Amino acid sequence: MTKPFSILIPVYNEAEIITENTEVLLDYLSQDYERFEIILGSNGSVDGTIMKGNDLENRFSQVRFFHIHRKGVGRAFKRGVRMAKYDRIISLDMDLSIDMGFIHRALELMDSGYDVVVGSKKMGHQRRTMFRRLGSSLFIFCARRLLDISFEDYSIAAKCYRRSLLLQYVDRIDHGTSYVIEILYMASRNGMKLIEIPVRCEDLRASKFNIIHEGVYRFTNLFRFWYGQKCNPR
């Protein structure tokens, strides 16, 4: 029997898709799994996300919903990690742009002893705007050069972690998305077992992030983290 697991989805102003996509995910998971939970974490939503998230929690025993007033995917991720009931946590996006087959493959790899499974769009197939692909490629190149790590994807979705590992680093998670690269770096340096696998991504909708602001944030945090590790390696 498959061990239980948590799906963690940070959401921001997703009223248009939160109900339909959560039901799609529930139907998909219920075909093969008995014990799982879906944690929906609203961060700063000001549309109908809160009402619909609460409705989903009331209708489905596997769904848990929370809302925090301040925007920040890292804030939602941190709270979701702390409230998760199970030791395997899979992070997804609410638009379900990643092939859901990743869930099955990630759980199998966790069963075989891995601590982190990284889903990589670059290794697999992706339909995204050229601007976003170029930005991701530049960030990956800089991360490789500065941190000497070989992963091809540092987005928040299509990642599977052991909760026990995340709790070691949870206090380092800031408000944004930079927690992914920091967790991967520290886990790899601390001897954890990580693996990267290809995933299929279909994502042509407008980003929920301001692309310019997100780019400045990610590169600033990358250089800050690199400098901190250079000066105070741990």
C-alpha atoms as a PDB file:
ATOM      1  CA  MET A   1       0.000   0.000   0.000  1.00  0.00           C
ATOM      2  CA  THR A   2       1.257   3.448  -0.923  1.00  0.00           C
ATOM      3  CA  LYS A   3       2.299   5.578   2.027  1.00  0.00           C
ATOM      4  CA  PRO A   4       0.150   8.679   2.637  1.00  0.00           C
ATOM      5  CA  PHE A   5       1.244  12.021   1.240  1.00  0.00           C
ATOM      6  CA  SER A   6       0.375  15.707   1.198  1.00  0.00           C
ATOM      7  CA  ILE A   7      -0.153  17.892  -1.866  1.00  0.00           C
ATOM      8  CA  LEU A   8       0.695  21.530  -1.117  1.00  0.00           C
ATOM      9  CA  ILE A   9      -0.552  24.257  -3.458  1.00  0.00           C
ATOM     10  CA  PRO A  10       0.075  27.937  -2.673  1.00  0.00           C
ATOM     11  CA  VAL A  11      -2.646  30.034  -4.319  1.00  0.00           C
ATOM     12  CA  TYR A  12      -3.086  33.728  -5.067  1.00  0.00           C
ATOM     13  CA  ASN A  13      -6.281  35.068  -6.672  1.00  0.00           C
ATOM     14  CA  GLU A  14      -7.224  31.727  -8.236  1.00  0.00           C
ATOM     15  CA  ALA A  15     -11.016  32.013  -7.908  1.00  0.00           C
ATOM     16  CA  GLU A  16     -11.489  31.166 -11.586  1.00  0.00           C
ATOM     17  CA  ILE A  17      -9.815  27.759 -11.367  1.00  0.00           C
ATOM     18  CA  ILE A  18      -9.482  26.675  -7.722  1.00  0.00           C
ATOM     19  CA  THR A  19     -12.745  24.695  -7.573  1.00  0.00           C
ATOM     20  CA  GLU A  20     -12.529  22.964 -10.941  1.00  0.00           C
ATOM     21  CA  ASN A  21      -8.825  22.107 -10.712  1.00  0.00           C
ATOM     22  CA  THR A  22      -9.043  20.864  -7.132  1.00  0.00           C
ATOM     23  CA  GLU A  23     -11.859  18.547  -8.173  1.00  0.00           C
ATOM     24  CA  VAL A  24      -9.802  17.360 -11.156  1.00  0.00           C
ATOM     25  CA  LEU A  25      -6.877  16.650  -8.836  1.00  0.00           C
ATOM     26  CA  LEU A  26      -9.110  14.830  -6.347  1.00  0.00           C
ATOM     27  CA  ASP A  27     -10.547  12.635  -9.107  1.00  0.00           C
ATOM     28  CA  TYR A  28      -7.044  11.839 -10.376  1.00  0.00           C
ATOM     29  CA  LEU A  29      -5.640  10.953  -6.969  1.00  0.00           C
ATOM     30  CA  SER A  30      -8.685   8.937  -5.872  1.00  0.00           C
ATOM     31  CA  GLN A  31      -8.172   6.486  -8.727  1.00  0.00           C
ATOM     32  CA  ASP A  32      -4.939   5.142  -7.212  1.00  0.00           C
ATOM     33  CA  TYR A  33      -4.548   6.433  -3.656  1.00  0.00           C
ATOM     34  CA  GLU A  34      -6.555   6.154  -0.461  1.00  0.00           C
ATOM     35  CA  ARG A  35      -4.655   8.323   2.014  1.00  0.00           C
ATOM     36  CA  PHE A  36      -3.687  11.821   0.955  1.00  0.00           C
ATOM     37  CA  GLU A  37      -4.494  15.440   1.676  1.00  0.00           C
ATOM     38  CA  ILE A  38      -4.556  18.539  -0.498  1.00  0.00           C
ATOM     39  CA  ILE A  39      -3.498  21.711   1.305  1.00  0.00           C
ATOM     40  CA  LEU A  40      -4.529  24.937  -0.430  1.00  0.00           C
ATOM     41  CA  GLY A  41      -2.721  27.955   0.977  1.00  0.00           C
ATOM     42  CA  SER A  42      -4.044  31.356  -0.030  1.00  0.00           C
ATOM     43  CA  ASN A  43      -1.557  34.180   0.379  1.00  0.00           C
ATOM     44  CA  GLY A  44      -2.966  37.677  -0.025  1.00  0.00           C
ATOM     45  CA  SER A  45      -5.887  36.686  -2.253  1.00  0.00           C
ATOM     46  CA  VAL A  46      -8.509  39.403  -2.657  1.00  0.00           C
ATOM     47  CA  ASP A  47     -10.916  37.732  -5.094  1.00  0.00           C
ATOM     48  CA  GLY A  48     -13.259  34.809  -4.423  1.00  0.00           C
ATOM     49  CA  THR A  49     -10.420  32.378  -3.645  1.00  0.00           C
ATOM     50  CA  ILE A  50     -11.087  32.421   0.117  1.00  0.00           C
ATOM     51  CA  MET A  51     -14.799  31.658  -0.195  1.00  0.00           C
ATOM     52  CA  LYS A  52     -14.215  28.881  -2.720  1.00  0.00           C
ATOM     53  CA  GLY A  53     -11.307  27.424  -0.751  1.00  0.00           C
ATOM     54  CA  ASN A  54     -13.438  27.219   2.392  1.00  0.00           C
ATOM     55  CA  ASP A  55     -16.223  25.608   0.375  1.00  0.00           C
ATOM     56  CA  LEU A  56     -13.828  22.948  -0.929  1.00  0.00           C
ATOM     57  CA  GLU A  57     -12.637  22.186   2.603  1.00  0.00           C
ATOM     58  CA  ASN A  58     -16.253  21.804   3.757  1.00  0.00           C
ATOM     59  CA  ARG A  59     -17.177  19.496   0.875  1.00  0.00           C
ATOM     60  CA  PHE A  60     -14.131  17.233   0.723  1.00  0.00           C
ATOM     61  CA  SER A  61     -12.479  15.539   3.700  1.00  0.00           C
ATOM     62  CA  GLN A  62      -9.118  15.403   1.874  1.00  0.00           C
ATOM     63  CA  VAL A  63      -8.958  19.184   1.337  1.00  0.00           C
ATOM     64  CA  ARG A  64      -7.554  21.638   3.883  1.00  0.00           C
ATOM     65  CA  PHE A  65      -7.587  25.364   3.223  1.00  0.00           C
ATOM     66  CA  PHE A  66      -6.001  28.335   4.932  1.00  0.00           C
ATOM     67  CA  HIS A  67      -5.627  32.028   4.162  1.00  0.00           C
ATOM     68  CA  ILE A  68      -2.930  34.445   5.246  1.00  0.00           C
ATOM     69  CA  HIS A  69      -3.402  38.142   4.594  1.00  0.00           C
ATOM     70  CA  ARG A  70       0.097  38.903   3.326  1.00  0.00           C
ATOM     71  CA  LYS A  71       1.044  37.944  -0.211  1.00  0.00           C
ATOM     72  CA  GLY A  72       4.026  35.620  -0.569  1.00  0.00           C
ATOM     73  CA  VAL A  73       4.270  32.077  -1.870  1.00  0.00           C
ATOM     74  CA  GLY A  74       7.049  31.296   0.611  1.00  0.00           C
ATOM     75  CA  ARG A  75       4.804  32.305   3.500  1.00  0.00           C
ATOM     76  CA  ALA A  76       2.099  29.920   2.275  1.00  0.00           C
ATOM     77  CA  PHE A  77       4.603  27.139   1.683  1.00  0.00           C
ATOM     78  CA  LYS A  78       6.074  27.502   5.184  1.00  0.00           C
ATOM     79  CA  ARG A  79       2.677  27.334   6.866  1.00  0.00           C
ATOM     80  CA  GLY A  80       1.618  24.414   4.690  1.00  0.00           C
ATOM     81  CA  VAL A  81       4.738  22.444   5.594  1.00  0.00           C
ATOM     82  CA  ARG A  82       4.074  22.963   9.287  1.00  0.00           C
ATOM     83  CA  MET A  83       0.442  21.868   9.082  1.00  0.00           C
ATOM     84  CA  ALA A  84       0.988  18.876   6.755  1.00  0.00           C
ATOM     85  CA  LYS A  85       0.060  15.530   8.305  1.00  0.00           C
ATOM     86  CA  TYR A  86       2.321  13.347   6.177  1.00  0.00           C
ATOM     87  CA  ASP A  87       6.065  13.065   5.634  1.00  0.00           C
ATOM     88  CA  ARG A  88       5.960  13.282   1.844  1.00  0.00           C
ATOM     89  CA  ILE A  89       4.992  16.693   0.487  1.00  0.00           C
ATOM     90  CA  ILE A  90       4.431  17.334  -3.221  1.00  0.00           C
ATOM     91  CA  SER A  91       4.343  20.970  -4.329  1.00  0.00           C
ATOM     92  CA  LEU A  92       2.150  21.822  -7.332  1.00  0.00           C
ATOM     93  CA  ASP A  93       0.723  24.918  -9.028  1.00  0.00           C
ATOM     94  CA  MET A  94      -3.027  25.525  -8.989  1.00  0.00           C
ATOM     95  CA  ASP A  95      -3.196  25.618 -12.781  1.00  0.00           C
ATOM     96  CA  LEU A  96      -2.009  21.971 -12.888  1.00  0.00           C
ATOM     97  CA  SER A  97       0.307  22.934 -15.737  1.00  0.00           C
ATOM     98  CA  ILE A  98       2.663  20.067 -14.869  1.00  0.00           C
ATOM     99  CA  ASP A  99       1.756  16.566 -16.048  1.00  0.00           C
ATOM    100  CA  MET A 100       0.160  14.940 -13.005  1.00  0.00           C
ATOM    101  CA  GLY A 101       2.044  11.740 -13.755  1.00  0.00           C
ATOM    102  CA  PHE A 102       4.838  13.434 -11.821  1.00  0.00           C
ATOM    103  CA  ILE A 103       2.985  12.580  -8.613  1.00  0.00           C
ATOM    104  CA  HIS A 104       3.154   8.846  -9.237  1.00  0.00           C
ATOM    105  CA  ARG A 105       6.788   8.897 -10.337  1.00  0.00           C
ATOM    106  CA  ALA A 106       7.838  11.074  -7.400  1.00  0.00           C
ATOM    107  CA  LEU A 107       6.144   8.826  -4.839  1.00  0.00           C
ATOM    108  CA  GLU A 108       7.814   5.741  -6.308  1.00  0.00           C
ATOM    109  CA  LEU A 109      11.215   7.425  -6.047  1.00  0.00           C
ATOM    110  CA  MET A 110      10.529   8.489  -2.462  1.00  0.00           C
ATOM    111  CA  ASP A 111       9.625   4.870  -1.680  1.00  0.00           C
ATOM    112  CA  SER A 112      13.017   3.822  -3.056  1.00  0.00           C
ATOM    113  CA  GLY A 113      14.853   6.120  -0.648  1.00  0.00           C
ATOM    114  CA  TYR A 114      15.117   9.597  -2.179  1.00  0.00           C
ATOM    115  CA  ASP A 115      14.648  12.668   0.002  1.00  0.00           C
ATOM    116  CA  VAL A 116      13.844  15.158  -2.767  1.00  0.00           C
ATOM    117  CA  VAL A 117      12.486  14.674  -6.288  1.00  0.00           C
ATOM    118  CA  VAL A 118      12.885  17.622  -8.660  1.00  0.00           C
ATOM    119  CA  GLY A 119      10.612  17.833 -11.684  1.00  0.00           C
ATOM    120  CA  SER A 120      12.451  19.569 -14.537  1.00  0.00           C
ATOM    121  CA  LYS A 121      10.664  21.273 -17.405  1.00  0.00           C
ATOM    122  CA  LYS A 122      13.953  21.815 -19.216  1.00  0.00           C
ATOM    123  CA  MET A 123      14.770  18.111 -19.146  1.00  0.00           C
ATOM    124  CA  GLY A 124      11.272  17.253 -20.347  1.00  0.00           C
ATOM    125  CA  HIS A 125       8.855  19.167 -22.568  1.00  0.00           C
ATOM    126  CA  GLN A 126       7.564  22.677 -22.027  1.00  0.00           C
ATOM    127  CA  ARG A 127       5.148  25.008 -23.740  1.00  0.00           C
ATOM    128  CA  ARG A 128       5.841  28.387 -22.161  1.00  0.00           C
ATOM    129  CA  THR A 129       6.526  31.846 -23.524  1.00  0.00           C
ATOM    130  CA  MET A 130      10.026  32.395 -24.896  1.00  0.00           C
ATOM    131  CA  PHE A 131      10.554  35.265 -22.449  1.00  0.00           C
ATOM    132  CA  ARG A 132       9.928  33.022 -19.440  1.00  0.00           C
ATOM    133  CA  ARG A 133      12.078  30.227 -20.848  1.00  0.00           C
ATOM    134  CA  LEU A 134      14.995  32.585 -21.470  1.00  0.00           C
ATOM    135  CA  GLY A 135      14.711  34.048 -17.980  1.00  0.00           C
ATOM    136  CA  SER A 136      14.703  30.568 -16.427  1.00  0.00           C
ATOM    137  CA  SER A 137      17.701  29.480 -18.485  1.00  0.00           C
ATOM    138  CA  LEU A 138      19.711  32.515 -17.407  1.00  0.00           C
ATOM    139  CA  PHE A 139      18.863  31.909 -13.759  1.00  0.00           C
ATOM    140  CA  ILE A 140      19.818  28.224 -14.022  1.00  0.00           C
ATOM    141  CA  PHE A 141      23.142  29.150 -15.644  1.00  0.00           C
ATOM    142  CA  CYS A 142      23.970  31.613 -12.864  1.00  0.00           C
ATOM    143  CA  ALA A 143      22.957  29.145 -10.155  1.00  0.00           C
ATOM    144  CA  ARG A 144      25.220  26.491 -11.646  1.00  0.00           C
ATOM    145  CA  ARG A 145      28.187  28.814 -11.822  1.00  0.00           C
ATOM    146  CA  LEU A 146      27.741  30.335  -8.377  1.00  0.00           C
ATOM    147  CA  LEU A 147      26.571  27.361  -6.312  1.00  0.00           C
ATOM    148  CA  ASP A 148      28.011  24.453  -8.293  1.00  0.00           C
ATOM    149  CA  ILE A 149      24.752  22.536  -8.417  1.00  0.00           C
ATOM    150  CA  SER A 150      23.418  20.830 -11.497  1.00  0.00           C
ATOM    151  CA  PHE A 151      19.635  21.009 -11.228  1.00  0.00           C
ATOM    152  CA  GLU A 152      17.646  22.361 -14.163  1.00  0.00           C
ATOM    153  CA  ASP A 153      14.501  23.647 -12.424  1.00  0.00           C
ATOM    154  CA  TYR A 154      13.996  25.884  -9.388  1.00  0.00           C
ATOM    155  CA  SER A 155      10.311  26.692  -9.818  1.00  0.00           C
ATOM    156  CA  ILE A 156       7.942  25.927  -6.945  1.00  0.00           C
ATOM    157  CA  ALA A 157       5.898  23.262  -8.743  1.00  0.00           C
ATOM    158  CA  ALA A 158       6.709  19.614  -9.421  1.00  0.00           C
ATOM    159  CA  LYS A 159       8.871  19.128  -6.351  1.00  0.00           C
ATOM    160  CA  CYS A 160       8.541  16.362  -3.775  1.00  0.00           C
ATOM    161  CA  TYR A 161      10.205  16.632  -0.359  1.00  0.00           C
ATOM    162  CA  ARG A 162      10.344  14.757   2.887  1.00  0.00           C
ATOM    163  CA  ARG A 163       8.633  16.905   5.486  1.00  0.00           C
ATOM    164  CA  SER A 164      11.291  15.967   8.009  1.00  0.00           C
ATOM    165  CA  LEU A 165      13.899  17.503   5.686  1.00  0.00           C
ATOM    166  CA  LEU A 166      11.870  20.672   5.114  1.00  0.00           C
ATOM    167  CA  LEU A 167      11.450  21.209   8.840  1.00  0.00           C
ATOM    168  CA  GLN A 168      15.237  21.455   9.153  1.00  0.00           C
ATOM    169  CA  TYR A 169      15.204  24.502   6.878  1.00  0.00           C
ATOM    170  CA  VAL A 170      11.714  25.926   7.413  1.00  0.00           C
ATOM    171  CA  ASP A 171      12.921  28.954   9.354  1.00  0.00           C
ATOM    172  CA  ARG A 172      15.061  29.976   6.348  1.00  0.00           C
ATOM    173  CA  ILE A 173      12.084  30.172   3.985  1.00  0.00           C
ATOM    174  CA  ASP A 174      11.367  33.798   3.148  1.00  0.00           C
ATOM    175  CA  HIS A 175       8.268  35.371   1.606  1.00  0.00           C
ATOM    176  CA  GLY A 176       9.076  34.545  -2.019  1.00  0.00           C
ATOM    177  CA  THR A 177      10.185  31.671  -4.238  1.00  0.00           C
ATOM    178  CA  SER A 178      13.898  31.515  -3.422  1.00  0.00           C
ATOM    179  CA  TYR A 179      13.365  28.761  -0.867  1.00  0.00           C
ATOM    180  CA  VAL A 180      13.480  26.149  -3.631  1.00  0.00           C
ATOM    181  CA  ILE A 181      17.094  26.721  -4.646  1.00  0.00           C
ATOM    182  CA  GLU A 182      18.219  27.137  -1.028  1.00  0.00           C
ATOM    183  CA  ILE A 183      16.595  23.866   0.047  1.00  0.00           C
ATOM    184  CA  LEU A 184      18.068  21.984  -2.910  1.00  0.00           C
ATOM    185  CA  TYR A 185      21.513  23.427  -2.253  1.00  0.00           C
ATOM    186  CA  MET A 186      21.518  22.687   1.468  1.00  0.00           C
ATOM    187  CA  ALA A 187      19.991  19.233   1.103  1.00  0.00           C
ATOM    188  CA  SER A 188      22.593  18.240  -1.497  1.00  0.00           C
ATOM    189  CA  ARG A 189      25.455  19.619   0.610  1.00  0.00           C
ATOM    190  CA  ASN A 190      24.173  17.806   3.697  1.00  0.00           C
ATOM    191  CA  GLY A 191      24.224  14.412   2.033  1.00  0.00           C
ATOM    192  CA  MET A 192      20.530  14.032   1.268  1.00  0.00           C
ATOM    193  CA  LYS A 193      19.534  11.897  -1.694  1.00  0.00           C
ATOM    194  CA  LEU A 194      18.132  14.021  -4.551  1.00  0.00           C
ATOM    195  CA  ILE A 195      17.076  13.138  -8.069  1.00  0.00           C
ATOM    196  CA  GLU A 196      15.833  15.184 -11.031  1.00  0.00           C
ATOM    197  CA  ILE A 197      13.343  13.809 -13.553  1.00  0.00           C
ATOM    198  CA  PRO A 198      11.780  15.261 -16.715  1.00  0.00           C
ATOM    199  CA  VAL A 199       8.225  16.605 -16.622  1.00  0.00           C
ATOM    200  CA  ARG A 200       5.810  17.919 -19.212  1.00  0.00           C
ATOM    201  CA  CYS A 201       4.608  21.493 -18.750  1.00  0.00           C
ATOM    202  CA  GLU A 202       1.833  23.312 -20.621  1.00  0.00           C
ATOM    203  CA  ASP A 203       1.758  26.875 -19.287  1.00  0.00           C
ATOM    204  CA  LEU A 204       0.835  29.740 -21.578  1.00  0.00           C
ATOM    205  CA  ARG A 205      -1.372  31.759 -19.245  1.00  0.00           C
ATOM    206  CA  ALA A 206      -0.276  35.092 -17.779  1.00  0.00           C
ATOM    207  CA  SER A 207       1.990  34.739 -14.768  1.00  0.00           C
ATOM    208  CA  LYS A 208       0.664  35.577 -11.296  1.00  0.00           C
ATOM    209  CA  PHE A 209       4.045  37.170 -10.610  1.00  0.00           C
ATOM    210  CA  ASN A 210       5.257  40.503 -11.921  1.00  0.00           C
ATOM    211  CA  ILE A 211       7.972  39.094 -14.178  1.00  0.00           C
ATOM    212  CA  ILE A 212      10.378  42.033 -13.748  1.00  0.00           C
ATOM    213  CA  HIS A 213       9.963  42.161  -9.971  1.00  0.00           C
ATOM    214  CA  GLU A 214      10.258  38.391  -9.701  1.00  0.00           C
ATOM    215  CA  GLY A 215      13.439  38.398 -11.789  1.00  0.00           C
ATOM    216  CA  VAL A 216      15.050  41.092  -9.638  1.00  0.00           C
ATOM    217  CA  TYR A 217      13.992  39.245  -6.482  1.00  0.00           C
ATOM    218  CA  ARG A 218      15.311  35.862  -7.622  1.00  0.00           C
ATOM    219  CA  PHE A 219      18.684  37.102  -8.845  1.00  0.00           C
ATOM    220  CA  THR A 220      19.160  39.336  -5.813  1.00  0.00           C
ATOM    221  CA  ASN A 221      18.450  36.427  -3.475  1.00  0.00           C
ATOM    222  CA  LEU A 222      20.662  34.099  -5.497  1.00  0.00           C
ATOM    223  CA  PHE A 223      23.642  36.430  -5.168  1.00  0.00           C
ATOM    224  CA  ARG A 224      22.866  37.103  -1.499  1.00  0.00           C
ATOM    225  CA  PHE A 225      22.696  33.370  -0.771  1.00  0.00           C
ATOM    226  CA  TRP A 226      25.907  32.691  -2.714  1.00  0.00           C
ATOM    227  CA  TYR A 227      27.721  35.429  -0.835  1.00  0.00           C
ATOM    228  CA  GLY A 228      26.442  34.119   2.485  1.00  0.00           C
ATOM    229  CA  GLN A 229      27.607  30.603   1.698  1.00  0.00           C
ATOM    230  CA  LYS A 230      30.987  31.905   0.520  1.00  0.00           C
ATOM    231  CA  CYS A 231      31.537  33.874   3.712  1.00  0.00           C
ATOM    232  CA  ASN A 232      29.902  31.449   6.148  1.00  0.00           C
ATOM    233  CA  PRO A 233      29.838  27.971   4.580  1.00  0.00           C
ATOM    234  CA  ARG A 234      27.716  25.461   6.488  1.00  0.00           C
END
